[in-house]
């Protein structure tokens, strides 16, 4: 795609490579989406871990077994999961980082919105990212994002107002 930092390599455009990618994306964990009444597709592990923690702590009230939170391994795969859900008649909603509409993300943001299908309930985004939304300073290391957000929350460094606002966003996506 033009204007993105992730230019495809030659073999990315081969059909066999697409099959390899699906093999990686559809691991046993993610295949749980096939048995859920509804799926919430989120961009990465930070959103998945934090939302599941809020459910466990009864901050986000979702009936047990009614939703599967699917971590898409990044924004660049969300449209693929939307397509799978659509083809298999799986109701789903999407939540991703808008990244302030930066040029390198603009095409993917548009692709996600264009990938809506008859089983897509709603698509929502954080204008920038979940850290900015929650008022948390970003960690220097990408792999630390999930633990960083949980730590900040457990240390009362994320306000309840922000958590309530996140809960409202998720509930809106699911209703």
C-alpha atoms as a PDB file:
ATOM      1  CA  UNK A   1       0.000   0.000   0.000  1.00  0.00           C
ATOM      2  CA  UNK A   2       1.183   3.492  -0.754  1.00  0.00           C
ATOM      3  CA  UNK A   3       2.074   5.819   2.106  1.00  0.00           C
ATOM      4  CA  UNK A   4       2.656   3.070   4.658  1.00  0.00           C
ATOM      5  CA  UNK A   5       5.804   2.070   6.495  1.00  0.00           C
ATOM      6  CA  UNK A   6       5.038  -1.591   5.741  1.00  0.00           C
ATOM      7  CA  UNK A   7       5.757  -1.947   2.047  1.00  0.00           C
ATOM      8  CA  UNK A   8       5.083  -5.517   0.916  1.00  0.00           C
ATOM      9  CA  UNK A   9       8.032  -7.644  -0.064  1.00  0.00           C
ATOM     10  CA  UNK A  10       7.861  -9.566  -3.345  1.00  0.00           C
ATOM     11  CA  UNK A  11       6.796 -12.831  -1.732  1.00  0.00           C
ATOM     12  CA  UNK A  12       4.070 -11.067   0.291  1.00  0.00           C
ATOM     13  CA  UNK A  13       2.048 -10.857  -2.901  1.00  0.00           C
ATOM     14  CA  UNK A  14       2.168 -14.599  -3.609  1.00  0.00           C
ATOM     15  CA  UNK A  15      -0.849 -16.770  -2.843  1.00  0.00           C
ATOM     16  CA  UNK A  16       1.246 -19.313  -0.922  1.00  0.00           C
ATOM     17  CA  UNK A  17       2.506 -16.553   1.386  1.00  0.00           C
ATOM     18  CA  UNK A  18      -1.070 -15.534   2.144  1.00  0.00           C
ATOM     19  CA  UNK A  19      -1.763 -19.141   3.179  1.00  0.00           C
ATOM     20  CA  UNK A  20       1.286 -19.063   5.492  1.00  0.00           C
ATOM     21  CA  UNK A  21       0.045 -15.827   7.022  1.00  0.00           C
ATOM     22  CA  UNK A  22      -3.385 -17.308   7.746  1.00  0.00           C
ATOM     23  CA  UNK A  23      -1.679 -20.300   9.369  1.00  0.00           C
ATOM     24  CA  UNK A  24       0.115 -17.886  11.719  1.00  0.00           C
ATOM     25  CA  UNK A  25      -2.943 -15.694  12.369  1.00  0.00           C
ATOM     26  CA  UNK A  26      -5.353 -18.512  13.083  1.00  0.00           C
ATOM     27  CA  UNK A  27      -3.585 -19.997  16.070  1.00  0.00           C
ATOM     28  CA  UNK A  28      -5.572 -22.073  18.608  1.00  0.00           C
ATOM     29  CA  UNK A  29      -6.251 -18.987  20.720  1.00  0.00           C
ATOM     30  CA  UNK A  30      -7.699 -16.904  17.897  1.00  0.00           C
ATOM     31  CA  UNK A  31      -9.762 -19.841  16.603  1.00  0.00           C
ATOM     32  CA  UNK A  32     -11.942 -19.344  19.687  1.00  0.00           C
ATOM     33  CA  UNK A  33     -13.663 -16.636  17.652  1.00  0.00           C
ATOM     34  CA  UNK A  34     -15.381 -19.350  15.607  1.00  0.00           C
ATOM     35  CA  UNK A  35     -17.381 -20.418  18.667  1.00  0.00           C
ATOM     36  CA  UNK A  36     -18.313 -17.011  20.049  1.00  0.00           C
ATOM     37  CA  UNK A  37     -21.690 -15.335  19.593  1.00  0.00           C
ATOM     38  CA  UNK A  38     -19.834 -12.055  18.916  1.00  0.00           C
ATOM     39  CA  UNK A  39     -16.240 -10.967  18.368  1.00  0.00           C
ATOM     40  CA  UNK A  40     -14.541  -7.708  19.292  1.00  0.00           C
ATOM     41  CA  UNK A  41     -11.491  -7.336  17.056  1.00  0.00           C
ATOM     42  CA  UNK A  42      -8.826  -5.184  18.693  1.00  0.00           C
ATOM     43  CA  UNK A  43      -5.517  -4.060  17.297  1.00  0.00           C
ATOM     44  CA  UNK A  44      -3.108  -5.674  19.720  1.00  0.00           C
ATOM     45  CA  UNK A  45      -2.382  -7.424  22.990  1.00  0.00           C
ATOM     46  CA  UNK A  46      -2.585  -4.215  25.029  1.00  0.00           C
ATOM     47  CA  UNK A  47      -6.284  -3.733  24.274  1.00  0.00           C
ATOM     48  CA  UNK A  48      -7.062  -7.438  24.653  1.00  0.00           C
ATOM     49  CA  UNK A  49      -5.275  -7.799  27.995  1.00  0.00           C
ATOM     50  CA  UNK A  50      -6.684  -4.589  29.446  1.00  0.00           C
ATOM     51  CA  UNK A  51     -10.272  -5.261  28.359  1.00  0.00           C
ATOM     52  CA  UNK A  52     -10.126  -8.831  29.666  1.00  0.00           C
ATOM     53  CA  UNK A  53      -8.754  -7.503  32.967  1.00  0.00           C
ATOM     54  CA  UNK A  54     -11.626  -5.003  33.195  1.00  0.00           C
ATOM     55  CA  UNK A  55     -14.091  -7.834  32.541  1.00  0.00           C
ATOM     56  CA  UNK A  56     -12.436  -9.981  35.221  1.00  0.00           C
ATOM     57  CA  UNK A  57     -12.625  -7.104  37.706  1.00  0.00           C
ATOM     58  CA  UNK A  58     -16.287  -6.498  36.778  1.00  0.00           C
ATOM     59  CA  UNK A  59     -15.595  -2.974  35.496  1.00  0.00           C
ATOM     60  CA  UNK A  60     -16.713  -3.979  32.020  1.00  0.00           C
ATOM     61  CA  UNK A  61     -19.880  -6.010  32.427  1.00  0.00           C
ATOM     62  CA  UNK A  62     -20.226  -8.479  29.619  1.00  0.00           C
ATOM     63  CA  UNK A  63     -22.100 -11.739  30.148  1.00  0.00           C
ATOM     64  CA  UNK A  64     -19.720 -14.707  30.293  1.00  0.00           C
ATOM     65  CA  UNK A  65     -19.241 -16.346  26.928  1.00  0.00           C
ATOM     66  CA  UNK A  66     -21.006 -13.578  25.018  1.00  0.00           C
ATOM     67  CA  UNK A  67     -17.907 -11.976  23.496  1.00  0.00           C
ATOM     68  CA  UNK A  68     -14.536 -13.104  22.236  1.00  0.00           C
ATOM     69  CA  UNK A  69     -11.837 -10.444  22.190  1.00  0.00           C
ATOM     70  CA  UNK A  70      -9.596 -11.130  19.229  1.00  0.00           C
ATOM     71  CA  UNK A  71      -6.166  -9.537  19.092  1.00  0.00           C
ATOM     72  CA  UNK A  72      -5.381  -8.960  15.395  1.00  0.00           C
ATOM     73  CA  UNK A  73      -1.581  -8.739  15.677  1.00  0.00           C
ATOM     74  CA  UNK A  74      -1.700  -5.125  14.576  1.00  0.00           C
ATOM     75  CA  UNK A  75      -3.838  -2.766  12.560  1.00  0.00           C
ATOM     76  CA  UNK A  76      -2.476  -4.199   9.326  1.00  0.00           C
ATOM     77  CA  UNK A  77      -4.403  -7.471   9.846  1.00  0.00           C
ATOM     78  CA  UNK A  78      -7.754  -6.193  11.107  1.00  0.00           C
ATOM     79  CA  UNK A  79      -9.367  -6.196   7.663  1.00  0.00           C
ATOM     80  CA  UNK A  80      -8.420  -9.860   7.223  1.00  0.00           C
ATOM     81  CA  UNK A  81     -10.206 -10.865  10.421  1.00  0.00           C
ATOM     82  CA  UNK A  82     -13.218  -8.768   9.432  1.00  0.00           C
ATOM     83  CA  UNK A  83     -13.328 -10.633   6.123  1.00  0.00           C
ATOM     84  CA  UNK A  84     -13.092 -14.027   7.840  1.00  0.00           C
ATOM     85  CA  UNK A  85     -15.873 -13.076  10.258  1.00  0.00           C
ATOM     86  CA  UNK A  86     -18.032 -11.849   7.399  1.00  0.00           C
ATOM     87  CA  UNK A  87     -17.549 -15.002   5.323  1.00  0.00           C
ATOM     88  CA  UNK A  88     -18.359 -17.194   8.337  1.00  0.00           C
ATOM     89  CA  UNK A  89     -21.354 -15.094   9.470  1.00  0.00           C
ATOM     90  CA  UNK A  90     -19.703 -14.098  12.744  1.00  0.00           C
ATOM     91  CA  UNK A  91     -21.018 -10.822  14.198  1.00  0.00           C
ATOM     92  CA  UNK A  92     -18.127  -8.533  15.083  1.00  0.00           C
ATOM     93  CA  UNK A  93     -17.090  -5.029  16.043  1.00  0.00           C
ATOM     94  CA  UNK A  94     -13.668  -3.404  15.744  1.00  0.00           C
ATOM     95  CA  UNK A  95     -11.559  -1.115  17.925  1.00  0.00           C
ATOM     96  CA  UNK A  96      -8.188   0.184  16.740  1.00  0.00           C
ATOM     97  CA  UNK A  97      -5.728   3.061  17.062  1.00  0.00           C
ATOM     98  CA  UNK A  98      -6.503   5.925  14.673  1.00  0.00           C
ATOM     99  CA  UNK A  99      -2.903   7.158  14.976  1.00  0.00           C
ATOM    100  CA  UNK A 100      -4.167  10.713  14.394  1.00  0.00           C
ATOM    101  CA  UNK A 101      -4.757   9.884  10.730  1.00  0.00           C
ATOM    102  CA  UNK A 102      -1.011  10.087  10.043  1.00  0.00           C
ATOM    103  CA  UNK A 103      -0.262   9.573   6.352  1.00  0.00           C
ATOM    104  CA  UNK A 104       1.397   6.191   6.943  1.00  0.00           C
ATOM    105  CA  UNK A 105      -1.777   4.967   8.713  1.00  0.00           C
ATOM    106  CA  UNK A 106      -4.434   6.722   6.643  1.00  0.00           C
ATOM    107  CA  UNK A 107      -4.726   3.968   4.029  1.00  0.00           C
ATOM    108  CA  UNK A 108      -5.064   1.229   6.633  1.00  0.00           C
ATOM    109  CA  UNK A 109      -7.648   3.205   8.589  1.00  0.00           C
ATOM    110  CA  UNK A 110      -9.620   3.569   5.359  1.00  0.00           C
ATOM    111  CA  UNK A 111      -9.152  -0.126   4.524  1.00  0.00           C
ATOM    112  CA  UNK A 112     -10.559  -1.136   7.906  1.00  0.00           C
ATOM    113  CA  UNK A 113     -13.613   1.058   7.365  1.00  0.00           C
ATOM    114  CA  UNK A 114     -14.069  -0.231   3.799  1.00  0.00           C
ATOM    115  CA  UNK A 115     -13.865  -3.833   5.066  1.00  0.00           C
ATOM    116  CA  UNK A 116     -17.189  -3.532   6.858  1.00  0.00           C
ATOM    117  CA  UNK A 117     -19.592  -6.267   5.877  1.00  0.00           C
ATOM    118  CA  UNK A 118     -23.108  -7.307   6.816  1.00  0.00           C
ATOM    119  CA  UNK A 119     -21.781  -8.909  10.029  1.00  0.00           C
ATOM    120  CA  UNK A 120     -19.847  -5.823  11.159  1.00  0.00           C
ATOM    121  CA  UNK A 121     -21.814  -4.050  13.898  1.00  0.00           C
ATOM    122  CA  UNK A 122     -19.592  -1.072  14.536  1.00  0.00           C
ATOM    123  CA  UNK A 123     -16.051   0.141  13.932  1.00  0.00           C
ATOM    124  CA  UNK A 124     -14.442   2.524  16.400  1.00  0.00           C
ATOM    125  CA  UNK A 125     -11.026   3.962  16.997  1.00  0.00           C
ATOM    126  CA  UNK A 126      -9.009   5.842  19.530  1.00  0.00           C
ATOM    127  CA  UNK A 127      -8.138   9.127  17.798  1.00  0.00           C
ATOM    128  CA  UNK A 128      -4.474   8.460  18.540  1.00  0.00           C
ATOM    129  CA  UNK A 129      -3.918   5.325  20.626  1.00  0.00           C
ATOM    130  CA  UNK A 130      -5.057   3.629  23.828  1.00  0.00           C
ATOM    131  CA  UNK A 131      -2.264   5.184  25.911  1.00  0.00           C
ATOM    132  CA  UNK A 132      -3.236   8.716  24.912  1.00  0.00           C
ATOM    133  CA  UNK A 133      -6.915   7.872  25.423  1.00  0.00           C
ATOM    134  CA  UNK A 134      -6.197   6.654  28.971  1.00  0.00           C
ATOM    135  CA  UNK A 135      -3.752   9.476  29.736  1.00  0.00           C
ATOM    136  CA  UNK A 136      -0.783   7.140  30.161  1.00  0.00           C
ATOM    137  CA  UNK A 137       2.753   8.006  29.115  1.00  0.00           C
ATOM    138  CA  UNK A 138       3.950   5.504  26.512  1.00  0.00           C
ATOM    139  CA  UNK A 139       6.600   2.957  27.356  1.00  0.00           C
ATOM    140  CA  UNK A 140       9.809   3.078  25.320  1.00  0.00           C
ATOM    141  CA  UNK A 141       9.511  -0.581  24.369  1.00  0.00           C
ATOM    142  CA  UNK A 142       6.560  -1.789  22.278  1.00  0.00           C
ATOM    143  CA  UNK A 143       6.597  -5.297  23.786  1.00  0.00           C
ATOM    144  CA  UNK A 144       5.994  -3.803  27.258  1.00  0.00           C
ATOM    145  CA  UNK A 145       2.730  -2.035  26.352  1.00  0.00           C
ATOM    146  CA  UNK A 146       0.319  -4.626  27.839  1.00  0.00           C
ATOM    147  CA  UNK A 147       2.127  -4.900  31.174  1.00  0.00           C
ATOM    148  CA  UNK A 148       2.701  -1.139  31.256  1.00  0.00           C
ATOM    149  CA  UNK A 149      -1.029  -0.348  30.944  1.00  0.00           C
ATOM    150  CA  UNK A 150      -1.980  -2.972  33.552  1.00  0.00           C
ATOM    151  CA  UNK A 151       0.689  -1.721  35.930  1.00  0.00           C
ATOM    152  CA  UNK A 152      -0.424   1.889  35.537  1.00  0.00           C
ATOM    153  CA  UNK A 153      -4.015   0.839  36.199  1.00  0.00           C
ATOM    154  CA  UNK A 154      -3.194  -1.261  39.264  1.00  0.00           C
ATOM    155  CA  UNK A 155      -1.147   1.656  40.615  1.00  0.00           C
ATOM    156  CA  UNK A 156      -4.145   4.002  40.240  1.00  0.00           C
ATOM    157  CA  UNK A 157      -2.361   6.003  37.558  1.00  0.00           C
ATOM    158  CA  UNK A 158      -5.325   5.773  35.210  1.00  0.00           C
ATOM    159  CA  UNK A 159      -8.324   7.738  36.399  1.00  0.00           C
ATOM    160  CA  UNK A 160     -11.661   6.024  36.915  1.00  0.00           C
ATOM    161  CA  UNK A 161     -13.179   8.624  34.571  1.00  0.00           C
ATOM    162  CA  UNK A 162     -10.911   7.362  31.781  1.00  0.00           C
ATOM    163  CA  UNK A 163     -11.752   3.735  32.550  1.00  0.00           C
ATOM    164  CA  UNK A 164     -15.461   4.598  32.545  1.00  0.00           C
ATOM    165  CA  UNK A 165     -14.991   6.353  29.208  1.00  0.00           C
ATOM    166  CA  UNK A 166     -13.273   3.248  27.775  1.00  0.00           C
ATOM    167  CA  UNK A 167     -16.054   1.015  29.103  1.00  0.00           C
ATOM    168  CA  UNK A 168     -18.606   3.291  27.400  1.00  0.00           C
ATOM    169  CA  UNK A 169     -16.704   3.049  24.087  1.00  0.00           C
ATOM    170  CA  UNK A 170     -16.627  -0.756  24.259  1.00  0.00           C
ATOM    171  CA  UNK A 171     -20.259  -1.060  25.330  1.00  0.00           C
ATOM    172  CA  UNK A 172     -21.238   1.214  22.448  1.00  0.00           C
ATOM    173  CA  UNK A 173     -19.329  -0.999  20.005  1.00  0.00           C
ATOM    174  CA  UNK A 174     -21.122  -4.078  21.305  1.00  0.00           C
ATOM    175  CA  UNK A 175     -24.669  -2.662  21.493  1.00  0.00           C
END
